[in-house]
C-alpha cells in the first residue's frame, strides 16, 4: 500500500503556509523600509559633509543659490560685469544632483532647468567631471544625459513619485516621457535645501511679491550671510536640507493634516542639520511664518527660520 496526503491534510499545510507568509510579510516590509531609511540617512550624511567642505572653500557659504535662466548658479553679478541680477525665480535643487528631465527645459520652466554641471556640490561628491554644453547653451530637452547620467547619493530609496510639477500634489503621468517621474528623476535630487528662511526674510510681503526686484536678491544673500555667520540659530536644530515631505507638511496650513511619506509614515522627514547630524524627524504642520503660529518652523526638534526674527 502507498501512503499519501489526504485532501484535508494538504489544505491544512497550505493554510499554515499562508498564515506564516501573512505573519512574515509585514516584518519583511518593515525591514525593507528600515533599510531604505538607513540608505537615505547615509546619503544625506554624505551630502551634509560635502556641504561642510564646500563651506570651507567658499568663505562659509552653503551651496544654496537661486536659479537663473542663464545657465548655472550665477553670483550677485554677471561674470565679468558689474550688472546686478534681479531674483526672478528660485528652486530648491540647485545645490546638487543630476540633470532634470526635459519637462523643465524651455522658456517657461527655464529658470529651474539647472544642469548637473552647474550644481556646485556635485564636484565634492563625484569622482569625475560632468560634461556640459558651453554657456549659454543648455542640454536639449531630449538629451540622453537627462536620463543616463546618475548620481545615486542624491536618491532616496523611498522616492517613488515626486511632487514638483504638481505641487503639493503628486506628479501626474508625463505625455512626453511616458512615466510618472520620481523627484530624483524629475529635478535631479530627492533632497531639497531649506528656503523657509527666505520666506521669513521677505515678510511682511510674500516671496511672490518680492521676486523680480533687487530686494529679492538682497534678501536671499542676507539669508546666506546669516547662515554663514551662524549667529541666529542653533546648529544642532537648524535643518538646511531635507526630503520634499518637509515642505509638503510644514507649509500645509491645516495643523491636523496627515501627510504620508515614502516610508509609509505620517508627517516625518529625513533631514540634515547644520551641526552635521541627520535625523528622521517628526514634523508639525500648520506653519504660517508669523510669531503667532504653532511653532511649525521652530520647535525643540528642528528649526527652519531664524530665531531672533521671531522674538
Protein backbone atom coordinates (compact mmCIF):
# COMPACT_ATOMS: atom_id res chain seq x y z
CA UNK A 1 0.00 0.00 0.00
CA UNK A 2 1.15 3.53 -0.77
CA UNK A 3 0.68 6.28 1.80
CA UNK A 4 -0.24 9.79 0.51
CA UNK A 5 -1.58 13.07 1.84
CA UNK A 6 -5.29 13.40 2.08
CA UNK A 7 -7.02 16.47 0.71
CA UNK A 8 -7.68 17.73 4.23
CA UNK A 9 -4.02 17.38 5.21
CA UNK A 10 -2.94 19.23 2.07
CA UNK A 11 -5.35 22.07 2.76
CA UNK A 12 -4.10 22.31 6.36
CA UNK A 13 -0.50 22.59 5.14
CA UNK A 14 -1.47 25.29 2.65
CA UNK A 15 -3.37 27.18 5.34
CA UNK A 16 -0.39 27.02 7.72
CA UNK A 17 1.98 28.25 5.00
CA UNK A 18 -0.41 31.07 4.12
CA UNK A 19 -0.60 32.06 7.78
CA UNK A 20 3.19 32.07 8.13
CA UNK A 21 3.56 34.18 4.99
CA UNK A 22 0.93 36.61 6.28
CA UNK A 23 2.85 36.91 9.54
CA UNK A 24 6.22 37.35 7.83
CA UNK A 25 5.25 39.82 5.10
CA UNK A 26 4.77 42.83 7.44
CA UNK A 27 8.11 42.09 9.07
CA UNK A 28 9.82 41.83 5.67
CA UNK A 29 8.17 45.07 4.56
CA UNK A 30 9.23 46.79 7.77
CA UNK A 31 12.81 45.58 7.32
CA UNK A 32 12.82 46.87 3.74
CA UNK A 33 11.61 50.31 4.82
CA UNK A 34 14.17 50.35 7.63
CA UNK A 35 16.89 49.53 5.10
CA UNK A 36 15.69 52.37 2.88
CA UNK A 37 15.90 54.80 5.80
CA UNK A 38 19.45 53.64 6.52
CA UNK A 39 20.48 54.25 2.91
CA UNK A 40 18.79 57.64 2.84
CA UNK A 41 20.41 58.66 6.12
CA UNK A 42 23.84 57.69 4.74
CA UNK A 43 23.18 59.62 1.53
CA UNK A 44 22.12 62.71 3.40
CA UNK A 45 25.10 62.44 5.76
CA UNK A 46 27.46 62.39 2.77
CA UNK A 47 25.72 65.44 1.32
CA UNK A 48 25.93 67.33 4.62
CA UNK A 49 29.65 66.53 4.97
CA UNK A 50 30.21 67.69 1.38
CA UNK A 51 28.38 70.87 2.36
CA UNK A 52 30.93 71.45 5.13
CA UNK A 53 33.79 71.00 2.66
CA UNK A 54 32.10 73.39 0.25
CA UNK A 55 31.72 75.96 3.03
CA UNK A 56 35.43 75.76 3.79
CA UNK A 57 36.23 76.52 0.14
CA UNK A 58 33.61 79.26 -0.27
CA UNK A 59 34.15 81.51 2.74
CA UNK A 60 31.44 79.80 4.78
CA UNK A 61 28.62 79.98 2.24
CA UNK A 62 26.33 77.00 1.72
CA UNK A 63 25.58 75.99 -1.92
CA UNK A 64 22.00 77.30 -1.66
CA UNK A 65 21.80 79.60 -4.65
CA UNK A 66 18.84 80.84 -6.68
CA UNK A 67 18.47 79.75 -10.29
CA UNK A 68 18.60 81.99 -13.35
CA UNK A 69 17.51 81.38 -16.89
CA UNK A 70 21.09 81.97 -17.96
CA UNK A 71 22.68 78.60 -17.20
CA UNK A 72 24.24 77.99 -13.88
CA UNK A 73 24.33 79.36 -10.37
CA UNK A 74 25.16 82.95 -11.10
CA UNK A 75 26.53 85.11 -8.29
CA UNK A 76 25.12 88.53 -7.46
CA UNK A 77 26.74 89.90 -10.61
CA UNK A 78 27.07 88.51 -14.10
CA UNK A 79 30.60 87.11 -14.51
CA UNK A 80 32.98 89.80 -15.73
CA UNK A 81 30.48 92.63 -15.37
CA UNK A 82 29.01 94.88 -12.70
CA UNK A 83 25.39 94.31 -13.77
CA UNK A 84 23.16 93.33 -10.87
CA UNK A 85 20.73 90.47 -11.49
CA UNK A 86 17.18 90.70 -10.12
CA UNK A 87 15.99 87.49 -8.49
CA UNK A 88 13.01 86.37 -10.58
CA UNK A 89 12.70 82.72 -9.55
CA UNK A 90 14.26 80.13 -7.31
CA UNK A 91 14.09 76.40 -6.75
CA UNK A 92 15.41 74.08 -4.07
CA UNK A 93 17.55 71.71 -6.15
CA UNK A 94 20.33 73.97 -7.42
CA UNK A 95 22.83 72.72 -4.82
CA UNK A 96 23.48 69.25 -6.30
CA UNK A 97 22.08 66.32 -8.24
CA UNK A 98 21.78 65.01 -11.78
CA UNK A 99 20.25 66.65 -14.85
CA UNK A 100 16.50 67.27 -14.55
CA UNK A 101 14.07 65.77 -17.03
CA UNK A 102 13.13 67.63 -20.18
CA UNK A 103 9.90 68.89 -18.62
CA UNK A 104 11.92 71.76 -17.11
CA UNK A 105 13.64 72.75 -20.35
CA UNK A 106 12.38 75.67 -22.43
CA UNK A 107 11.24 79.21 -21.86
CA UNK A 108 8.52 78.74 -19.25
CA UNK A 109 10.47 76.46 -16.90
CA UNK A 110 13.97 77.51 -17.97
CA UNK A 111 14.68 79.07 -14.60
CA UNK A 112 14.53 75.64 -12.99
CA UNK A 113 16.43 73.65 -15.61
CA UNK A 114 19.67 73.55 -13.63
CA UNK A 115 22.07 71.02 -15.09
CA UNK A 116 24.33 68.69 -13.12
CA UNK A 117 27.46 70.52 -14.28
CA UNK A 118 26.11 73.74 -12.75
CA UNK A 119 25.26 72.34 -9.32
CA UNK A 120 28.21 73.23 -7.08
CA UNK A 121 28.07 70.36 -4.60
CA UNK A 122 28.49 67.73 -7.34
CA UNK A 123 32.19 68.48 -7.57
CA UNK A 124 32.54 67.37 -3.93
CA UNK A 125 30.54 64.14 -4.33
CA UNK A 126 31.54 62.74 -7.74
CA UNK A 127 34.95 61.50 -8.81
CA UNK A 128 34.78 62.76 -12.37
CA UNK A 129 33.88 65.90 -14.25
CA UNK A 130 30.32 66.19 -15.56
CA UNK A 131 30.06 67.26 -19.17
CA UNK A 132 28.03 70.34 -20.04
CA UNK A 133 27.48 72.34 -23.23
CA UNK A 134 29.24 75.69 -23.41
CA UNK A 135 27.45 78.69 -21.91
CA UNK A 136 24.89 79.97 -22.84
CA UNK A 137 23.74 76.71 -24.49
CA UNK A 138 21.72 74.19 -22.49
CA UNK A 139 21.02 70.49 -22.83
CA UNK A 140 18.21 69.77 -25.31
CA UNK A 141 15.01 68.55 -23.68
CA UNK A 142 15.52 65.07 -25.16
CA UNK A 143 19.27 64.82 -24.47
CA UNK A 144 20.43 61.36 -23.38
CA UNK A 145 22.32 62.92 -20.46
CA UNK A 146 18.98 63.77 -18.85
CA UNK A 147 18.28 60.05 -18.38
CA UNK A 148 21.63 58.27 -18.49
CA UNK A 149 23.63 60.38 -16.02
CA UNK A 150 23.09 59.10 -12.47
CA UNK A 151 24.38 60.39 -9.11
CA UNK A 152 22.93 57.83 -6.65
CA UNK A 153 23.86 59.75 -3.49
CA UNK A 154 21.03 62.16 -4.27
CA UNK A 155 18.38 59.44 -4.50
CA UNK A 156 16.19 58.46 -1.57
CA UNK A 157 15.12 54.79 -1.99
CA UNK A 158 11.60 55.68 -0.84
CA UNK A 159 11.28 58.33 -3.56
CA UNK A 160 8.62 56.76 -5.81
CA UNK A 161 6.82 59.83 -7.10
CA UNK A 162 7.82 63.49 -7.00
CA UNK A 163 5.61 66.50 -6.41
CA UNK A 164 7.45 69.40 -8.03
CA UNK A 165 5.40 69.50 -11.25
CA UNK A 166 2.05 69.46 -9.48
CA UNK A 167 2.97 70.92 -6.09
CA UNK A 168 1.98 69.93 -3.44
CA UNK A 169 0.21 67.02 -5.13
CA UNK A 170 1.99 64.03 -6.71
CA UNK A 171 3.28 64.32 -10.26
CA UNK A 172 0.95 63.10 -12.96
CA UNK A 173 1.94 60.99 -15.96
CA UNK A 174 4.09 62.85 -18.47
CA UNK A 175 2.94 62.50 -22.07
CA UNK A 176 6.42 63.31 -23.36
CA UNK A 177 8.26 60.89 -21.07
CA UNK A 178 5.59 58.24 -20.68
CA UNK A 179 6.08 57.87 -16.94
CA UNK A 180 5.42 59.38 -13.56
CA UNK A 181 8.78 60.86 -12.62
CA UNK A 182 10.23 60.48 -9.14
CA UNK A 183 11.59 63.60 -7.52
CA UNK A 184 15.11 62.33 -8.26
CA UNK A 185 14.38 61.70 -11.95
CA UNK A 186 12.34 64.86 -12.33
CA UNK A 187 14.54 67.56 -10.78
CA UNK A 188 17.75 65.58 -10.15
CA UNK A 189 17.61 65.06 -6.39
CA UNK A 190 15.28 63.54 -3.80
CA UNK A 191 16.54 66.09 -1.28
CA UNK A 192 15.86 69.84 -1.27
CA UNK A 193 17.51 72.67 0.59
CA UNK A 194 15.51 74.70 3.06
CA UNK A 195 14.19 78.06 1.76
CA UNK A 196 11.76 78.92 4.54
CA UNK A 197 14.30 81.39 5.92
CA UNK A 198 13.90 83.33 2.65
CA UNK A 199 10.12 83.43 3.11
CA UNK A 200 10.75 84.79 6.60
CA UNK A 201 13.11 87.50 5.38
CA UNK A 202 10.53 88.66 2.82
CA UNK A 203 7.92 89.42 5.49
CA UNK A 204 5.59 91.30 5.64
CA UNK A 205 5.47 90.64 1.88
CA UNK A 206 5.36 87.20 0.33
CA UNK A 207 8.23 85.90 -1.84
CA UNK A 208 5.95 86.16 -4.87
CA UNK A 209 5.50 89.87 -4.20
CA UNK A 210 9.24 90.42 -3.85
CA UNK A 211 10.51 88.30 -6.74
CA UNK A 212 11.68 90.21 -9.78
CA UNK A 213 13.12 93.07 -7.74
CA UNK A 214 16.54 93.89 -6.35
CA UNK A 215 15.02 93.48 -2.88
CA UNK A 216 14.62 89.74 -3.51
CA UNK A 217 18.30 89.29 -4.28
CA UNK A 218 19.27 91.35 -1.24
CA UNK A 219 17.06 89.20 0.98
CA UNK A 220 18.47 85.99 -0.46
CA UNK A 221 22.08 86.97 0.14
CA UNK A 222 21.18 88.36 3.54
CA UNK A 223 19.97 84.86 4.41
CA UNK A 224 23.11 83.21 3.02
CA UNK A 225 25.27 85.57 5.06
CA UNK A 226 23.29 84.77 8.19
CA UNK A 227 23.74 81.05 7.56
CA UNK A 228 27.45 81.63 7.08
CA UNK A 229 27.76 83.62 10.28
CA UNK A 230 25.67 81.10 12.23
CA UNK A 231 24.69 83.85 14.64
CA UNK A 232 20.94 83.43 14.60
CA UNK A 233 20.17 79.77 15.18
CA UNK A 234 21.18 76.61 17.00
CA UNK A 235 23.20 74.44 14.57
CA UNK A 236 22.01 71.21 16.18
CA UNK A 237 18.41 72.18 15.40
CA UNK A 238 18.69 74.17 12.16
CA UNK A 239 17.88 71.88 9.19
CA UNK A 240 19.34 73.17 5.93
CA UNK A 241 18.43 70.14 3.78
CA UNK A 242 15.60 67.62 3.82
CA UNK A 243 13.39 65.46 1.63
CA UNK A 244 10.43 67.11 -0.08
CA UNK A 245 7.93 65.88 2.52
CA UNK A 246 9.23 68.50 4.94
CA UNK A 247 7.99 71.26 2.62
CA UNK A 248 4.72 69.49 1.86
CA UNK A 249 3.96 69.03 5.55
CA UNK A 250 5.06 72.19 7.34
CA UNK A 251 3.69 74.53 4.67
CA UNK A 252 0.25 72.94 4.97
CA UNK A 253 -1.85 75.44 6.91
CA UNK A 254 -4.01 72.69 8.42
CA UNK A 255 -2.41 71.69 11.75
CA UNK A 256 -4.31 68.38 11.67
CA UNK A 257 -3.20 67.26 8.21
CA UNK A 258 -1.60 63.80 7.86
CA UNK A 259 0.95 63.61 5.03
CA UNK A 260 2.14 60.08 4.28
CA UNK A 261 5.74 59.86 3.07
CA UNK A 262 7.58 57.22 1.06
CA UNK A 263 8.29 55.21 4.22
CA UNK A 264 4.53 54.99 4.91
CA UNK A 265 4.91 57.21 7.97
CA UNK A 266 2.88 60.32 8.59
CA UNK A 267 4.38 63.82 8.97
CA UNK A 268 8.02 62.70 9.09
CA UNK A 269 11.05 63.76 7.06
CA UNK A 270 14.71 62.79 6.69
CA UNK A 271 16.67 65.96 7.46
CA UNK A 272 20.29 67.12 7.65
CA UNK A 273 21.26 69.68 10.27
CA UNK A 274 23.85 72.45 10.43
CA UNK A 275 25.94 70.58 13.00
CA UNK A 276 26.30 67.62 10.62
CA UNK A 277 23.89 65.09 12.07
CA UNK A 278 20.99 63.51 10.17
CA UNK A 279 17.66 62.59 11.76
CA UNK A 280 14.30 61.13 10.74
CA UNK A 281 12.21 63.84 12.34
CA UNK A 282 8.55 64.26 13.25
CA UNK A 283 7.08 67.38 11.61
CA UNK A 284 4.44 69.85 12.74
CA UNK A 285 2.05 71.07 10.03
CA UNK A 286 0.15 74.35 10.11
CA UNK A 287 3.04 76.79 9.59
CA UNK A 288 2.23 80.46 8.96
CA UNK A 289 5.68 82.10 9.32
CA UNK A 290 4.25 84.52 11.86
CA UNK A 291 5.15 84.93 15.54
CA UNK A 292 1.66 83.71 16.44
CA UNK A 293 1.88 80.36 14.66
CA UNK A 294 2.12 76.97 16.35
CA UNK A 295 5.90 76.53 16.10
CA UNK A 296 5.78 74.57 12.86
CA UNK A 297 9.01 76.23 11.79
CA UNK A 298 10.77 76.46 15.16
CA UNK A 299 10.41 73.91 17.94
CA UNK A 300 12.51 71.67 20.15
CA UNK A 301 13.21 69.20 17.29
CA UNK A 302 14.08 71.42 14.34
CA UNK A 303 14.37 74.98 13.10
CA UNK A 304 13.79 76.25 9.55
CA UNK A 305 13.89 80.02 10.12
CA UNK A 306 15.99 82.46 12.11
CA UNK A 307 15.09 82.56 15.77
CA UNK A 308 15.93 86.19 16.51
CA UNK A 309 13.50 87.49 13.86
CA UNK A 310 10.67 85.68 15.62
CA UNK A 311 11.11 87.32 19.01
